[in-house]
Amino acid sequence: MSENNPVLGFIGIGLMGKPMTLRLLAAGFRVNVWNRSAEKLKPVTEAGASACATVADLTKASDVLLVCLADTAAVEAVVHNGVLANGSAAKLLIDLSSIHPDNTRQLAASLYESCGMGWVDAPVSGGVAGAEQGSLAIMAGGAAGHIAIARHVLAPLYQRLTHMGEVGSGQISKICNQMIVSCNVLVIAEMMALAQQAGVDAQQIPVALAGGFADSKPLQIVAPQMAAASFEPVKWRVKTLLKDLSMAVDLAGQQGQSVPMSGLAAQLMQLHGSHGYLDQDPATLIKLFTK
């Protein structure tokens, strides 16, 4: 691997993967790409990325693999169906997905035992806007040498990358992040519905609260959407928050820890999703509280 200019392989050209790949290309990296739905590759191949027919082909042709997929099962599938048999000790996998810490440790161990390839779990926070602007917050778990490579490779993407500890600790940190974000979005939805029902100009709520103790990035992103009942384009998805809350409840159970607020948030998110909103923007959560 060339430490200064490694060839990257990006797996998962979705809501987050597309802007991240475009930023890596703009920074001068050579990027190979693979996506389960090949039609989604067009914007990045037009920008200079090289499409690979299979995960195996991408693994062989790349020094550092960047994985950004929807859930644990999707990450497991690409690792077992292409990476394990074609990796090497000279390569590194950086997982930008948000998946279960236990599965992260198991996958990392399997990859190392199979071919000596390293693993960094580096889930991101900041949404599509953060990916587009290169202002993501990244929580990373892995060996110090591998983290150094991740800092260099991911530099076009982040405002901050924090080494949280060994493999798996990045995913635990992302779960903590999502507990705060999910509970925040739910109370914003509850609050915005109440304000509207009580006769307040809800569009002024995020303006009025800006800079105060109640302000937050989620407030400034979802409250205007809620006030205007404008839920397109989808910037993130209800099912993503539900997945992460479910992992939070599971992790808490393993640790013997009580997380009543996150547990309730998971139930409310599940209820909302069951009404057909799993693939919709979390701004639609206001509909849970609207008469």
Protein backbone atom coordinates (compact mmCIF):
# COMPACT_ATOMS: atom_id res chain seq x y z
CA MET A 1 0.00 0.00 0.00
CA SER A 2 1.21 3.48 -0.83
CA GLU A 3 0.78 5.41 2.42
CA ASN A 4 0.55 8.75 0.62
CA ASN A 5 -1.74 7.74 -2.21
CA PRO A 6 -3.51 4.42 -1.55
CA VAL A 7 -6.07 3.20 -4.06
CA LEU A 8 -9.49 3.27 -2.41
CA GLY A 9 -12.39 0.89 -2.91
CA PHE A 10 -15.80 2.28 -1.90
CA ILE A 11 -18.64 -0.18 -1.28
CA GLY A 12 -22.11 1.35 -0.94
CA ILE A 13 -23.00 4.36 -3.10
CA GLY A 14 -26.13 5.49 -1.27
CA LEU A 15 -27.31 8.68 0.44
CA MET A 16 -24.00 9.00 2.29
CA GLY A 17 -21.70 6.99 0.06
CA LYS A 18 -22.24 9.10 -3.05
CA PRO A 19 -21.19 12.48 -1.58
CA MET A 20 -18.30 10.87 0.30
CA THR A 21 -17.01 9.22 -2.88
CA LEU A 22 -17.30 12.48 -4.79
CA ARG A 23 -15.26 14.29 -2.14
CA LEU A 24 -12.56 11.60 -2.18
CA LEU A 25 -12.32 11.87 -5.97
CA ALA A 26 -12.13 15.67 -5.76
CA ALA A 27 -9.26 15.30 -3.27
CA GLY A 28 -7.28 13.33 -5.86
CA PHE A 29 -7.75 9.75 -4.67
CA ARG A 30 -8.18 6.92 -7.16
CA VAL A 31 -11.46 5.27 -6.18
CA ASN A 32 -12.90 1.93 -7.27
CA VAL A 33 -16.62 1.52 -6.56
CA TRP A 34 -19.17 -1.25 -6.17
CA ASN A 35 -22.85 -1.07 -5.33
CA ARG A 36 -25.53 -3.75 -5.21
CA SER A 37 -27.68 -1.56 -7.50
CA ALA A 38 -25.27 -0.75 -10.31
CA GLU A 39 -27.40 2.11 -11.68
CA LYS A 40 -26.47 4.20 -8.63
CA LEU A 41 -22.83 4.23 -9.74
CA LYS A 42 -23.35 6.65 -12.63
CA PRO A 43 -22.80 9.94 -10.71
CA VAL A 44 -19.49 8.73 -9.27
CA THR A 45 -18.18 7.01 -12.38
CA GLU A 46 -18.90 10.19 -14.35
CA ALA A 47 -16.74 11.98 -11.76
CA GLY A 48 -13.86 9.57 -12.32
CA ALA A 49 -14.48 6.49 -10.18
CA SER A 50 -13.86 3.03 -11.66
CA ALA A 51 -16.77 0.59 -11.40
CA CYS A 52 -16.01 -2.99 -10.37
CA ALA A 53 -18.25 -5.91 -11.30
CA THR A 54 -17.88 -7.69 -7.94
CA VAL A 55 -16.71 -7.08 -4.38
CA ALA A 56 -13.91 -9.55 -5.06
CA ASP A 57 -12.67 -7.48 -8.02
CA LEU A 58 -12.81 -4.30 -5.97
CA THR A 59 -10.91 -5.90 -3.07
CA LYS A 60 -8.14 -7.14 -5.36
CA ALA A 61 -7.78 -3.72 -7.02
CA SER A 62 -7.83 -1.57 -3.87
CA ASP A 63 -5.49 -0.86 -0.94
CA VAL A 64 -8.10 0.52 1.48
CA LEU A 65 -11.73 -0.60 1.40
CA LEU A 66 -14.37 1.87 2.60
CA VAL A 67 -17.70 0.27 3.43
CA CYS A 68 -20.85 2.36 3.88
CA LEU A 69 -23.89 0.09 4.05
CA ALA A 70 -27.33 0.10 5.63
CA ASP A 71 -26.98 -2.49 8.38
CA THR A 72 -25.06 -5.36 9.94
CA ALA A 73 -26.37 -7.97 7.50
CA ALA A 74 -25.24 -5.93 4.49
CA VAL A 75 -21.72 -5.51 5.87
CA GLU A 76 -21.50 -9.21 6.71
CA ALA A 77 -22.58 -10.10 3.17
CA VAL A 78 -19.84 -8.11 1.41
CA VAL A 79 -17.16 -9.31 3.83
CA HIS A 80 -18.07 -12.96 3.40
CA ASN A 81 -18.80 -12.69 -0.33
CA GLY A 82 -15.66 -11.09 -1.64
CA VAL A 83 -13.42 -9.50 0.95
CA LEU A 84 -12.35 -12.50 3.05
CA ALA A 85 -11.07 -14.50 0.09
CA ASN A 86 -9.31 -11.59 -1.58
CA GLY A 87 -7.91 -9.47 1.23
CA SER A 88 -4.32 -9.38 2.47
CA ALA A 89 -2.22 -8.05 5.32
CA ALA A 90 -1.21 -5.14 3.11
CA LYS A 91 -4.82 -3.93 2.90
CA LEU A 92 -7.20 -2.25 5.38
CA LEU A 93 -10.98 -2.19 5.71
CA ILE A 94 -12.62 0.94 7.15
CA ASP A 95 -16.30 0.44 7.97
CA LEU A 96 -18.24 3.72 7.87
CA SER A 97 -21.54 1.92 8.47
CA SER A 98 -23.39 1.89 11.79
CA ILE A 99 -23.59 -1.77 12.83
CA HIS A 100 -23.60 -3.85 16.02
CA PRO A 101 -20.33 -3.76 18.01
CA ASP A 102 -20.39 -7.54 18.57
CA ASN A 103 -20.64 -8.25 14.85
CA THR A 104 -17.92 -5.68 14.19
CA ARG A 105 -15.50 -7.52 16.49
CA GLN A 106 -16.43 -10.89 14.97
CA LEU A 107 -15.96 -9.65 11.40
CA ALA A 108 -12.66 -7.97 12.24
CA ALA A 109 -11.36 -11.14 13.88
CA SER A 110 -12.46 -13.30 10.93
CA LEU A 111 -10.80 -10.98 8.44
CA TYR A 112 -7.53 -10.92 10.38
CA GLU A 113 -7.50 -14.69 10.87
CA SER A 114 -8.30 -15.28 7.19
CA CYS A 115 -5.72 -13.01 5.58
CA GLY A 116 -4.15 -10.67 8.15
CA MET A 117 -6.19 -7.69 6.97
CA GLY A 118 -6.91 -4.92 9.49
CA TRP A 119 -10.23 -3.31 10.42
CA VAL A 120 -11.25 0.15 11.59
CA ASP A 121 -14.85 0.80 12.60
CA ALA A 122 -15.46 4.46 11.77
CA PRO A 123 -19.18 5.29 11.85
CA VAL A 124 -20.01 8.86 10.96
CA SER A 125 -22.36 11.57 12.20
CA GLY A 126 -23.48 14.66 10.35
CA GLY A 127 -25.86 13.36 7.73
CA VAL A 128 -25.87 14.00 4.01
CA ALA A 129 -25.02 17.67 4.51
CA GLY A 130 -21.95 16.72 6.55
CA ALA A 131 -20.86 14.26 3.86
CA GLU A 132 -21.30 16.87 1.15
CA GLN A 133 -19.42 19.55 3.08
CA GLY A 134 -16.69 17.34 4.52
CA SER A 135 -17.72 18.23 8.06
CA LEU A 136 -18.56 14.79 9.45
CA ALA A 137 -17.74 13.68 12.99
CA ILE A 138 -16.14 10.23 12.92
CA MET A 139 -15.80 7.91 15.92
CA ALA A 140 -13.12 5.31 15.22
CA GLY A 141 -12.09 2.02 16.80
CA GLY A 142 -8.94 0.10 15.88
CA ALA A 143 -5.17 -0.19 16.21
CA ALA A 144 -3.20 3.07 16.29
CA GLY A 145 -1.42 2.35 13.00
CA HIS A 146 -4.68 1.65 11.24
CA ILE A 147 -6.26 4.78 12.71
CA ALA A 148 -3.39 6.82 11.24
CA ILE A 149 -4.22 5.49 7.79
CA ALA A 150 -7.90 6.26 8.35
CA ARG A 151 -7.08 9.85 9.34
CA HIS A 152 -5.23 10.35 6.06
CA VAL A 153 -7.71 8.59 3.79
CA LEU A 154 -10.83 10.10 5.35
CA ALA A 155 -9.43 13.64 5.71
CA PRO A 156 -11.65 15.05 2.91
CA LEU A 157 -14.73 13.85 4.80
CA TYR A 158 -14.43 14.94 8.41
CA GLN A 159 -14.20 17.92 10.70
CA ARG A 160 -13.18 15.62 13.54
CA LEU A 161 -12.01 12.02 13.81
CA THR A 162 -11.63 10.71 17.36
CA HIS A 163 -9.89 7.44 18.26
CA MET A 164 -12.25 5.85 20.79
CA GLY A 165 -10.29 2.66 21.54
CA GLU A 166 -10.04 -0.85 20.14
CA VAL A 167 -12.17 -2.31 17.35
CA GLY A 168 -15.86 -2.01 18.25
CA SER A 169 -15.51 1.17 20.31
CA GLY A 170 -16.36 3.36 17.32
CA GLN A 171 -19.68 1.55 16.93
CA ILE A 172 -20.45 1.87 20.65
CA SER A 173 -19.74 5.60 20.43
CA LYS A 174 -22.08 5.92 17.43
CA ILE A 175 -24.83 4.17 19.39
CA CYS A 176 -24.37 6.77 22.14
CA ASN A 177 -24.61 9.50 19.49
CA GLN A 178 -27.81 8.04 18.10
CA MET A 179 -29.43 7.76 21.51
CA ILE A 180 -29.12 11.54 21.83
CA VAL A 181 -30.12 12.28 18.24
CA SER A 182 -33.15 9.99 18.23
CA CYS A 183 -34.56 11.20 21.54
CA ASN A 184 -33.90 14.77 20.42
CA VAL A 185 -35.78 14.36 17.13
CA LEU A 186 -38.73 12.76 18.90
CA VAL A 187 -39.09 15.54 21.45
CA ILE A 188 -38.71 18.12 18.65
CA ALA A 189 -41.62 16.43 16.84
CA GLU A 190 -43.67 16.39 20.04
CA MET A 191 -42.85 20.04 20.72
CA MET A 192 -43.55 21.25 17.16
CA ALA A 193 -46.94 19.53 17.11
CA LEU A 194 -47.83 21.12 20.45
CA ALA A 195 -46.71 24.57 19.29
CA GLN A 196 -48.78 24.34 16.13
CA GLN A 197 -51.85 23.11 18.01
CA ALA A 198 -51.51 25.93 20.56
CA GLY A 199 -51.45 28.59 17.84
CA VAL A 200 -47.74 29.48 17.70
CA ASP A 201 -46.10 30.19 14.33
CA ALA A 202 -44.09 26.97 14.37
CA GLN A 203 -41.81 28.21 11.58
CA GLN A 204 -40.39 30.70 14.09
CA ILE A 205 -39.54 28.06 16.71
CA PRO A 206 -36.08 27.16 15.32
CA VAL A 207 -35.39 30.87 14.77
CA ALA A 208 -36.40 31.80 18.30
CA LEU A 209 -34.42 28.98 19.92
CA ALA A 210 -31.25 29.42 17.86
CA GLY A 211 -28.23 29.92 20.13
CA GLY A 212 -30.10 29.01 23.31
CA PHE A 213 -29.81 25.89 25.45
CA ALA A 214 -32.55 24.16 23.43
CA ASP A 215 -30.77 24.67 20.12
CA SER A 216 -29.26 21.74 18.23
CA LYS A 217 -28.41 20.68 14.71
CA PRO A 218 -31.42 18.34 14.60
CA LEU A 219 -33.66 21.24 15.64
CA GLN A 220 -32.36 23.45 12.84
CA ILE A 221 -32.66 20.64 10.28
CA VAL A 222 -35.98 18.94 11.08
CA ALA A 223 -38.05 21.69 12.74
CA PRO A 224 -38.37 23.81 9.56
CA GLN A 225 -39.35 20.68 7.64
CA MET A 226 -41.92 19.81 10.28
CA ALA A 227 -43.34 23.35 10.31
CA ALA A 228 -43.71 23.35 6.54
CA ALA A 229 -44.80 19.68 6.32
CA SER A 230 -42.04 19.31 3.73
CA PHE A 231 -40.48 15.85 3.92
CA GLU A 232 -38.73 15.56 0.56
CA PRO A 233 -36.03 14.97 -0.44
CA VAL A 234 -35.28 12.29 2.15
CA LYS A 235 -32.00 13.21 3.87
CA TRP A 236 -31.95 10.26 6.31
CA ARG A 237 -34.41 7.54 7.21
CA VAL A 238 -36.61 6.53 10.13
CA LYS A 239 -35.42 2.92 9.81
CA THR A 240 -31.84 4.04 10.41
CA LEU A 241 -32.71 5.61 13.76
CA LEU A 242 -34.83 2.59 14.68
CA LYS A 243 -31.94 0.24 13.88
CA ASP A 244 -29.56 2.26 16.05
CA LEU A 245 -32.02 2.55 18.95
CA SER A 246 -32.55 -1.21 18.83
CA MET A 247 -28.78 -1.69 19.11
CA ALA A 248 -28.73 0.75 22.04
CA VAL A 249 -31.36 -1.27 23.89
CA ASP A 250 -29.48 -4.51 23.13
CA LEU A 251 -26.14 -3.07 24.26
CA ALA A 252 -27.71 -1.74 27.46
CA GLY A 253 -29.16 -5.17 28.18
CA GLN A 254 -25.73 -6.75 27.78
CA GLN A 255 -24.29 -4.25 30.25
CA GLY A 256 -27.15 -4.55 32.73
CA GLN A 257 -27.88 -0.87 32.20
CA SER A 258 -31.30 0.77 32.15
CA VAL A 259 -32.03 3.12 29.21
CA PRO A 260 -35.72 4.01 29.67
CA MET A 261 -35.73 7.08 27.42
CA SER A 262 -34.02 5.30 24.54
CA GLY A 263 -36.27 2.29 25.09
CA LEU A 264 -39.38 4.47 24.79
CA ALA A 265 -37.88 6.21 21.76
CA ALA A 266 -37.38 2.80 20.12
CA GLN A 267 -41.03 1.91 20.74
CA LEU A 268 -42.26 5.22 19.30
CA MET A 269 -39.95 4.89 16.29
CA GLN A 270 -41.24 1.35 15.72
CA LEU A 271 -44.84 2.59 15.92
CA HIS A 272 -44.14 5.34 13.39
CA GLY A 273 -42.35 2.93 11.08
CA SER A 274 -45.24 0.48 11.23
CA HIS A 275 -47.44 3.18 9.66
CA GLY A 276 -45.39 3.13 6.49
CA TYR A 277 -42.66 5.64 7.35
CA LEU A 278 -39.58 3.41 7.66
CA ASP A 279 -38.04 4.77 4.45
CA GLN A 280 -39.20 8.33 5.08
CA ASP A 281 -37.34 11.26 6.63
CA PRO A 282 -37.46 11.48 10.46
CA ALA A 283 -39.10 14.90 10.05
CA THR A 284 -42.27 12.87 9.43
CA LEU A 285 -42.25 11.97 13.13
CA ILE A 286 -44.40 15.05 13.74
CA LYS A 287 -47.25 13.01 12.31
CA LEU A 288 -47.12 10.81 15.42
CA PHE A 289 -48.24 13.79 17.49
CA THR A 290 -50.55 15.62 15.06
CA LYS A 291 -54.27 15.24 15.54
